[in-house]
Amino acid sequence: MLRLPDIDIETSWIRSLKDSALAGLTLV
């Protein structure tokens, strides 16, 4: 059960990372 929050944090981190990458690609 303690791992669920970790997974949530990982997912949100990956999501924000993808968003940043997409934003960077769009800017370029």
C-alpha atoms as a PDB file:
ATOM      1  CA  MET A   1       0.000   0.000   0.000  1.00  0.00           C
ATOM      2  CA  LEU A   2       2.934   2.328   0.646  1.00  0.00           C
ATOM      3  CA  ARG A   3       3.962   1.828  -2.963  1.00  0.00           C
ATOM      4  CA  LEU A   4       0.776   3.318  -4.411  1.00  0.00           C
ATOM      5  CA  PRO A   5       1.806   6.924  -3.600  1.00  0.00           C
ATOM      6  CA  ASP A   6       5.249   6.250  -5.074  1.00  0.00           C
ATOM      7  CA  ILE A   7       3.665   5.007  -8.290  1.00  0.00           C
ATOM      8  CA  ASP A   8       1.410   8.068  -8.344  1.00  0.00           C
ATOM      9  CA  ILE A   9       4.403  10.373  -7.932  1.00  0.00           C
ATOM     10  CA  GLU A  10       6.293   8.492 -10.642  1.00  0.00           C
ATOM     11  CA  THR A  11       3.340   8.709 -13.036  1.00  0.00           C
ATOM     12  CA  SER A  12       2.881  12.444 -12.465  1.00  0.00           C
ATOM     13  CA  TRP A  13       6.654  12.953 -12.864  1.00  0.00           C
ATOM     14  CA  ILE A  14       6.660  11.038 -16.150  1.00  0.00           C
ATOM     15  CA  ARG A  15       3.571  12.956 -17.242  1.00  0.00           C
ATOM     16  CA  SER A  16       5.136  16.346 -16.528  1.00  0.00           C
ATOM     17  CA  LEU A  17       8.321  15.165 -18.236  1.00  0.00           C
ATOM     18  CA  LYS A  18       6.325  14.192 -21.348  1.00  0.00           C
ATOM     19  CA  ASP A  19       4.498  17.537 -21.251  1.00  0.00           C
ATOM     20  CA  SER A  20       7.825  19.374 -21.026  1.00  0.00           C
ATOM     21  CA  ALA A  21       9.217  17.357 -23.940  1.00  0.00           C
ATOM     22  CA  LEU A  22       6.101  18.009 -26.022  1.00  0.00           C
ATOM     23  CA  ALA A  23       6.232  21.728 -25.180  1.00  0.00           C
ATOM     24  CA  GLY A  24       9.910  21.820 -26.166  1.00  0.00           C
ATOM     25  CA  LEU A  25       9.183  20.080 -29.462  1.00  0.00           C
ATOM     26  CA  THR A  26       6.349  22.494 -30.164  1.00  0.00           C
ATOM     27  CA  LEU A  27       8.585  25.500 -29.453  1.00  0.00           C
ATOM     28  CA  VAL A  28      11.244  24.151 -31.807  1.00  0.00           C
END
